[in-house]
Protein backbone atom coordinates (compact mmCIF):
# COMPACT_ATOMS: atom_id res chain seq x y z
CA UNK A 1 -40.66 -26.05 -224.52
CA UNK A 2 -37.56 -24.20 -223.23
CA UNK A 3 -39.12 -23.01 -223.59
CA UNK A 4 -45.91 -8.38 -244.17
CA UNK A 5 -48.23 7.46 -260.69
CA UNK A 6 -50.74 9.37 -261.64
CA UNK A 7 -51.54 9.34 -265.67
CA UNK A 8 -51.02 12.54 -267.20
CA UNK A 9 -53.21 12.49 -270.40
CA UNK A 10 -56.69 11.55 -271.01
CA UNK A 11 -55.28 9.38 -274.03
CA UNK A 12 -53.15 7.22 -271.53
CA UNK A 13 -56.23 6.91 -269.27
CA UNK A 14 -58.28 5.71 -272.12
CA UNK A 15 -55.79 3.07 -273.46
CA UNK A 16 -55.24 1.89 -270.07
CA UNK A 17 -58.92 1.35 -269.50
CA UNK A 18 -59.08 -0.56 -272.88
CA UNK A 19 -56.28 -3.02 -271.91
CA UNK A 20 -57.97 -3.53 -268.64
CA UNK A 21 -61.49 -4.29 -270.25
CA UNK A 22 -60.06 -6.49 -272.80
CA UNK A 23 -57.23 -8.57 -270.67
CA UNK A 24 -58.31 -8.21 -267.03
CA UNK A 25 -55.54 -9.01 -264.68
CA UNK A 26 -55.63 -12.24 -262.88
CA UNK A 27 -57.34 -11.62 -259.51
CA UNK A 28 -55.05 -12.84 -256.60
CA UNK A 29 -56.99 -15.47 -254.86
CA UNK A 30 -58.76 -14.45 -251.53
CA UNK A 31 -57.17 -15.41 -248.33
CA UNK A 32 -60.17 -17.04 -246.46
CA UNK A 33 -59.58 -16.55 -242.72
CA UNK A 34 -62.26 -16.16 -240.01
CA UNK A 35 -61.65 -15.35 -236.62
CA UNK A 36 -64.67 -16.87 -235.20
CA UNK A 37 -64.14 -20.17 -236.93
CA UNK A 38 -60.36 -20.20 -235.96
CA UNK A 39 -61.42 -19.58 -232.32
CA UNK A 40 -64.14 -22.36 -232.80
CA UNK A 41 -61.37 -24.93 -233.79
CA UNK A 42 -59.27 -23.96 -230.67
CA UNK A 43 -62.25 -24.52 -228.51
CA UNK A 44 -63.01 -27.92 -230.22
CA UNK A 45 -59.51 -28.96 -229.53
CA UNK A 46 -59.62 -28.23 -225.93
CA UNK A 47 -63.00 -29.88 -225.46
CA UNK A 48 -61.07 -33.03 -226.22
CA UNK A 49 -59.23 -32.68 -222.79
CA UNK A 50 -55.67 -33.01 -222.02
CA UNK A 51 -53.80 -34.35 -225.08
CA UNK A 52 -50.40 -36.12 -224.07
CA UNK A 53 -48.62 -38.68 -226.29
CA UNK A 54 -50.84 -41.82 -226.77
CA UNK A 55 -53.59 -40.48 -224.65
CA UNK A 56 -57.20 -40.75 -225.57
CA UNK A 57 -57.31 -36.92 -226.09
CA UNK A 58 -54.48 -37.22 -228.54
CA UNK A 59 -56.08 -40.11 -230.44
CA UNK A 60 -59.26 -38.19 -230.59
CA UNK A 61 -57.44 -35.14 -231.87
CA UNK A 62 -55.80 -37.17 -234.54
CA UNK A 63 -59.14 -38.50 -235.87
CA UNK A 64 -60.41 -35.00 -235.83
CA UNK A 65 -57.47 -33.59 -237.99
CA UNK A 66 -57.51 -36.47 -240.41
CA UNK A 67 -61.17 -35.89 -241.08
CA UNK A 68 -60.84 -32.05 -241.24
CA UNK A 69 -57.97 -32.02 -243.73
CA UNK A 70 -59.48 -34.81 -245.94
CA UNK A 71 -62.63 -32.65 -246.28
CA UNK A 72 -60.36 -29.75 -247.24
CA UNK A 73 -58.67 -31.81 -250.03
CA UNK A 74 -55.17 -32.44 -248.40
CA UNK A 75 -53.59 -35.81 -248.14
CA UNK A 76 -52.48 -36.81 -244.67
CA UNK A 77 -50.28 -39.66 -243.18
CA UNK A 78 -48.80 -40.64 -240.00
CA UNK A 79 -45.02 -41.03 -239.19
CA UNK A 80 -44.79 -43.53 -236.32
CA UNK A 81 -42.12 -44.19 -233.81
CA UNK A 82 -41.71 -45.57 -230.29
CA UNK A 83 -39.87 -44.02 -227.29
CA UNK A 84 -39.59 -45.52 -223.76
CA UNK A 85 -41.91 -43.59 -221.10
CA UNK A 86 -39.59 -41.37 -219.15
CA UNK A 87 -41.01 -42.83 -215.69
CA UNK A 88 -41.57 -46.50 -216.44
CA UNK A 89 -39.66 -47.44 -219.42
CA UNK A 90 -42.95 -48.84 -221.13
CA UNK A 91 -42.83 -48.32 -225.00
CA UNK A 92 -44.86 -45.32 -225.88
CA UNK A 93 -46.12 -45.02 -229.64
CA UNK A 94 -45.93 -41.54 -230.87
CA UNK A 95 -47.23 -40.32 -234.36
CA UNK A 96 -46.08 -37.27 -236.17
CA UNK A 97 -49.02 -36.28 -238.52
CA UNK A 98 -48.14 -35.04 -242.03
CA UNK A 99 -50.66 -33.07 -244.10
CA UNK A 100 -49.60 -32.35 -247.60
CA UNK A 101 -50.82 -29.86 -250.33
CA UNK A 102 -49.67 -30.11 -253.88
CA UNK A 103 -47.90 -33.27 -252.91
CA UNK A 104 -46.48 -33.72 -256.30
CA UNK A 105 -44.25 -30.69 -255.96
CA UNK A 106 -40.61 -31.68 -255.44
CA UNK A 107 -39.54 -28.59 -253.72
CA UNK A 108 -41.58 -27.86 -250.49
CA UNK A 109 -42.02 -25.67 -247.60
CA UNK A 110 -42.46 -27.17 -243.92
CA UNK A 111 -45.16 -25.44 -241.60
CA UNK A 112 -45.08 -27.14 -238.54
CA UNK A 113 -46.37 -27.15 -234.62
CA UNK A 114 -46.61 -29.65 -231.84
CA UNK A 115 -49.98 -30.89 -231.13
CA UNK A 116 -49.28 -32.85 -227.84
CA UNK A 117 -49.71 -31.07 -224.41
CA UNK A 118 -47.64 -31.21 -221.35
CA UNK A 119 -48.99 -34.15 -219.21
CA UNK A 120 -49.39 -31.83 -216.11
CA UNK A 121 -49.49 -28.04 -215.56
CA UNK A 122 -46.43 -28.14 -213.41
CA UNK A 123 -45.81 -24.37 -213.30
CA UNK A 124 -49.27 -24.09 -211.67
CA UNK A 125 -48.61 -22.68 -208.29
CA UNK A 126 -51.89 -24.21 -206.70
CA UNK A 127 -52.38 -27.45 -209.04
CA UNK A 128 -49.42 -28.60 -210.53
CA UNK A 129 -51.20 -31.91 -211.19
CA UNK A 130 -54.36 -30.50 -212.38
CA UNK A 131 -55.74 -30.60 -215.98
CA UNK A 132 -53.48 -28.96 -218.53
CA UNK A 133 -55.71 -27.99 -221.85
CA UNK A 134 -52.75 -26.31 -223.54
CA UNK A 135 -54.90 -23.74 -225.48
CA UNK A 136 -52.07 -21.82 -226.42
CA UNK A 137 -49.19 -24.07 -225.84
CA UNK A 138 -50.09 -27.03 -228.16
CA UNK A 139 -53.67 -26.01 -229.34
CA UNK A 140 -53.05 -22.69 -231.01
CA UNK A 141 -50.78 -23.97 -233.74
CA UNK A 142 -53.36 -26.85 -234.49
CA UNK A 143 -56.24 -24.38 -234.66
CA UNK A 144 -54.26 -22.04 -236.94
CA UNK A 145 -53.38 -24.76 -239.51
CA UNK A 146 -57.03 -26.03 -239.35
CA UNK A 147 -58.17 -22.48 -240.32
CA UNK A 148 -55.33 -21.99 -242.84
CA UNK A 149 -56.58 -25.37 -244.67
CA UNK A 150 -59.55 -23.27 -245.92
CA UNK A 151 -57.34 -21.02 -247.99
CA UNK A 152 -54.69 -23.22 -249.04
CA UNK A 153 -56.37 -24.86 -251.86
CA UNK A 154 -57.21 -21.64 -253.71
CA UNK A 155 -53.87 -19.85 -253.21
CA UNK A 156 -50.66 -20.57 -255.52
CA UNK A 157 -47.88 -21.03 -253.15
CA UNK A 158 -44.29 -20.89 -254.56
CA UNK A 159 -43.66 -24.47 -253.54
CA UNK A 160 -45.59 -27.54 -252.30
CA UNK A 161 -46.60 -27.21 -248.47
CA UNK A 162 -46.33 -29.68 -245.83
CA UNK A 163 -48.01 -29.12 -242.40
CA UNK A 164 -46.41 -31.24 -239.90
CA UNK A 165 -47.90 -31.66 -236.45
CA UNK A 166 -45.05 -33.05 -233.90
CA UNK A 167 -45.83 -35.47 -231.33
CA UNK A 168 -43.77 -35.77 -228.15
CA UNK A 169 -42.58 -32.17 -228.07
CA UNK A 170 -42.75 -32.12 -224.09
CA UNK A 171 -43.50 -35.47 -222.90
CA UNK A 172 -42.18 -34.49 -219.71
CA UNK A 173 -43.29 -35.39 -216.05
CA UNK A 174 -41.28 -33.19 -214.01
CA UNK A 175 -40.92 -29.32 -213.84
CA UNK A 176 -37.24 -29.22 -214.90
CA UNK A 177 -35.13 -31.37 -217.13
CA UNK A 178 -36.10 -34.26 -219.37
CA UNK A 179 -36.00 -34.98 -222.99
CA UNK A 180 -37.86 -32.65 -225.32
CA UNK A 181 -38.58 -32.42 -229.11
CA UNK A 182 -38.97 -36.12 -229.59
CA UNK A 183 -41.30 -35.80 -232.61
CA UNK A 184 -39.12 -33.24 -234.58
CA UNK A 185 -36.05 -35.02 -233.80
CA UNK A 186 -37.39 -38.08 -235.26
CA UNK A 187 -38.68 -36.32 -238.14
CA UNK A 188 -35.25 -34.63 -238.75
CA UNK A 189 -33.36 -37.92 -238.51
CA UNK A 190 -35.61 -39.58 -240.84
CA UNK A 191 -35.29 -36.73 -243.44
CA UNK A 192 -31.43 -36.90 -243.03
CA UNK A 193 -31.02 -40.67 -243.10
CA UNK A 194 -33.66 -41.58 -245.59
CA UNK A 195 -34.11 -38.71 -247.90
CA UNK A 196 -37.47 -38.42 -249.38
CA UNK A 197 -38.00 -37.89 -253.23
CA UNK A 198 -38.43 -34.05 -252.53
CA UNK A 199 -36.52 -31.24 -250.75
CA UNK A 200 -37.63 -28.91 -248.05
CA UNK A 201 -36.48 -25.53 -249.00
CA UNK A 202 -37.23 -23.91 -245.65
CA UNK A 203 -39.58 -24.09 -242.74
CA UNK A 204 -41.65 -22.21 -240.23
CA UNK A 205 -42.47 -23.36 -236.79
CA UNK A 206 -45.44 -21.84 -234.95
CA UNK A 207 -45.87 -22.07 -231.26
CA UNK A 208 -47.97 -20.31 -228.48
CA UNK A 209 -49.30 -17.83 -231.22
CA UNK A 210 -52.99 -17.58 -229.95
CA UNK A 211 -52.13 -15.00 -226.99
CA UNK A 212 -54.64 -12.06 -226.73
CA UNK A 213 -51.77 -9.86 -226.31
CA UNK A 214 -49.71 -11.31 -228.95
CA UNK A 215 -46.11 -10.18 -229.69
CA UNK A 216 -43.76 -12.31 -231.84
CA UNK A 217 -40.14 -11.08 -231.51
CA UNK A 218 -37.42 -12.42 -233.72
CA UNK A 219 -35.98 -15.72 -232.09
CA UNK A 220 -32.21 -15.59 -231.97
CA UNK A 221 -31.75 -19.19 -233.00
CA UNK A 222 -33.89 -18.63 -235.94
CA UNK A 223 -31.87 -15.59 -236.93
CA UNK A 224 -28.75 -17.70 -236.54
CA UNK A 225 -29.99 -20.75 -238.57
CA UNK A 226 -32.44 -19.25 -240.92
CA UNK A 227 -31.90 -15.42 -241.49
CA UNK A 228 -33.45 -15.50 -245.02
CA UNK A 229 -36.56 -16.95 -243.69
CA UNK A 230 -36.94 -14.57 -240.78
CA UNK A 231 -36.22 -11.60 -243.05
CA UNK A 232 -38.73 -12.75 -245.62
CA UNK A 233 -41.69 -13.60 -243.04
CA UNK A 234 -41.25 -10.35 -241.02
CA UNK A 235 -40.92 -8.21 -244.34
CA UNK A 236 -44.28 -9.80 -245.18
CA UNK A 237 -45.76 -8.96 -241.71
CA UNK A 238 -44.59 -5.34 -242.18
CA UNK A 239 -46.19 -4.97 -245.62
CA UNK A 240 -49.44 -6.25 -244.50
CA UNK A 241 -49.19 -3.73 -241.39
CA UNK A 242 -49.29 -6.54 -238.80
CA UNK A 243 -47.47 -5.05 -235.92
CA UNK A 244 -47.48 -8.05 -233.70
CA UNK A 245 -44.58 -9.20 -235.61
CA UNK A 246 -41.84 -7.20 -233.58
CA UNK A 247 -38.50 -6.38 -235.47
CA UNK A 248 -36.52 -6.77 -232.39
CA UNK A 249 -34.88 -9.87 -231.11
CA UNK A 250 -36.16 -11.97 -228.08
CA UNK A 251 -33.59 -11.43 -225.24
CA UNK A 252 -33.01 -15.28 -225.15
CA UNK A 253 -32.38 -18.12 -227.49
CA UNK A 254 -35.41 -20.40 -227.38
CA UNK A 255 -34.99 -24.31 -227.66
CA UNK A 256 -37.89 -25.49 -229.76
CA UNK A 257 -38.81 -28.01 -232.32
CA UNK A 258 -37.13 -25.71 -235.13
CA UNK A 259 -33.69 -26.78 -233.41
CA UNK A 260 -33.51 -30.36 -234.61
CA UNK A 261 -34.93 -29.22 -238.07
CA UNK A 262 -32.19 -26.81 -238.51
CA UNK A 263 -29.26 -28.76 -236.85
CA UNK A 264 -30.20 -32.22 -237.90
CA UNK A 265 -32.12 -32.09 -241.12
CA UNK A 266 -30.43 -28.74 -242.30
CA UNK A 267 -33.86 -27.29 -243.12
CA UNK A 268 -33.51 -23.55 -242.54
CA UNK A 269 -36.45 -22.91 -240.16
CA UNK A 270 -37.74 -19.96 -238.09
CA UNK A 271 -39.65 -20.23 -234.91
CA UNK A 272 -42.81 -17.84 -234.66
CA UNK A 273 -43.25 -17.81 -230.81
CA UNK A 274 -44.72 -15.59 -228.13
CA UNK A 275 -42.98 -16.72 -225.10
CA UNK A 276 -44.27 -13.86 -222.87
CA UNK A 277 -47.46 -15.83 -221.92
CA UNK A 278 -48.31 -15.51 -218.26
CA UNK A 279 -50.15 -18.77 -218.34
CA UNK A 280 -47.41 -20.89 -219.60
CA UNK A 281 -47.63 -24.60 -218.11
CA UNK A 282 -50.51 -23.77 -215.78
CA UNK A 283 -54.30 -24.77 -215.52
CA UNK A 284 -55.08 -21.18 -216.91
CA UNK A 285 -53.81 -21.92 -220.21
CA UNK A 286 -57.50 -21.97 -221.70
CA UNK A 287 -59.19 -20.76 -224.51
CA UNK A 288 -60.27 -17.63 -222.81
CA UNK A 289 -56.82 -16.42 -222.76
CA UNK A 290 -56.44 -16.79 -226.46
CA UNK A 291 -58.05 -14.87 -229.40
CA UNK A 292 -59.20 -15.70 -232.95
CA UNK A 293 -57.76 -12.22 -234.08
CA UNK A 294 -54.33 -13.43 -233.11
CA UNK A 295 -54.59 -16.71 -234.99
CA UNK A 296 -55.81 -15.07 -238.18
CA UNK A 297 -53.10 -12.27 -238.02
CA UNK A 298 -50.47 -15.10 -238.13
CA UNK A 299 -52.47 -16.85 -240.75
CA UNK A 300 -52.51 -13.89 -243.06
CA UNK A 301 -48.75 -13.30 -242.74
CA UNK A 302 -47.97 -17.02 -243.57
CA UNK A 303 -50.47 -17.52 -246.45
CA UNK A 304 -49.29 -14.35 -247.89
CA UNK A 305 -45.65 -15.20 -247.50
CA UNK A 306 -46.29 -18.67 -249.09
CA UNK A 307 -47.28 -16.97 -252.24
CA UNK A 308 -43.92 -15.21 -252.42
CA UNK A 309 -41.32 -17.26 -250.72
CA UNK A 310 -37.97 -16.38 -252.40
CA UNK A 311 -36.67 -19.00 -254.92
CA UNK A 312 -33.17 -18.89 -253.45
CA UNK A 313 -34.41 -18.98 -249.72
CA UNK A 314 -32.82 -22.20 -249.00
CA UNK A 315 -29.56 -21.71 -250.44
């Protein structure tokens, strides 16, 4: 990762009461998010250990996620591809996981994250070859989507929803350089070259959104490629009073999985990312540095936003 009138007369009050009693307004479906449960999902993911592409931890995570979303009523499938190992050249099989809600909808919103972890905590001053759990960087987006899955069957999104978990976001074995965003690039190329029978009107990428001290400024590439998405998501956060979504821009453009989606697939996609995380790529990126409250705040924004995505957002 390079890394919202007072009634004047008694008569009006009486008539209003009658209308309410006879024709109650449809209650808005409750957003069912639980901080403790969300944090528990993050802990469960990290208990699997390191989760680089094609590792045992990754395979165990894939099994866990397929079972989880099946129980919640979603459809799941893998998008597989092969890439050479950057050090040995040996083929590595990677799998993007696609979880679909209302799969019959022909216009859809893409929610995405990466679910692989960097092979080593190469920014760790003392243990650059230690165990990297990637609680925030890799785990937080997964835990968020697992938690959001409890609410999605009940709410009524404007569009169909796909959650995509990208593999190979950072299959990197050195501190600097290397080929990033393998899963999102493959996904974007397939969408462009073999168009599916549906259209993604827009997308939102989440990355490192579990930090206890959460602050999500506007990422400049997102504002450039997907200004309508940025505006509608941050407006939702402001309406909800969630101040962790900061209206100012991040001082630097961030290259992340949203770049291939915007540039190759032409899906206007915004990146929700808190890049000011002191434990980035170190052994200290553990659940203890994260918060279920942060996950739930981002979830509230996204679930509310999904119910009011503007019809013209992708035009």
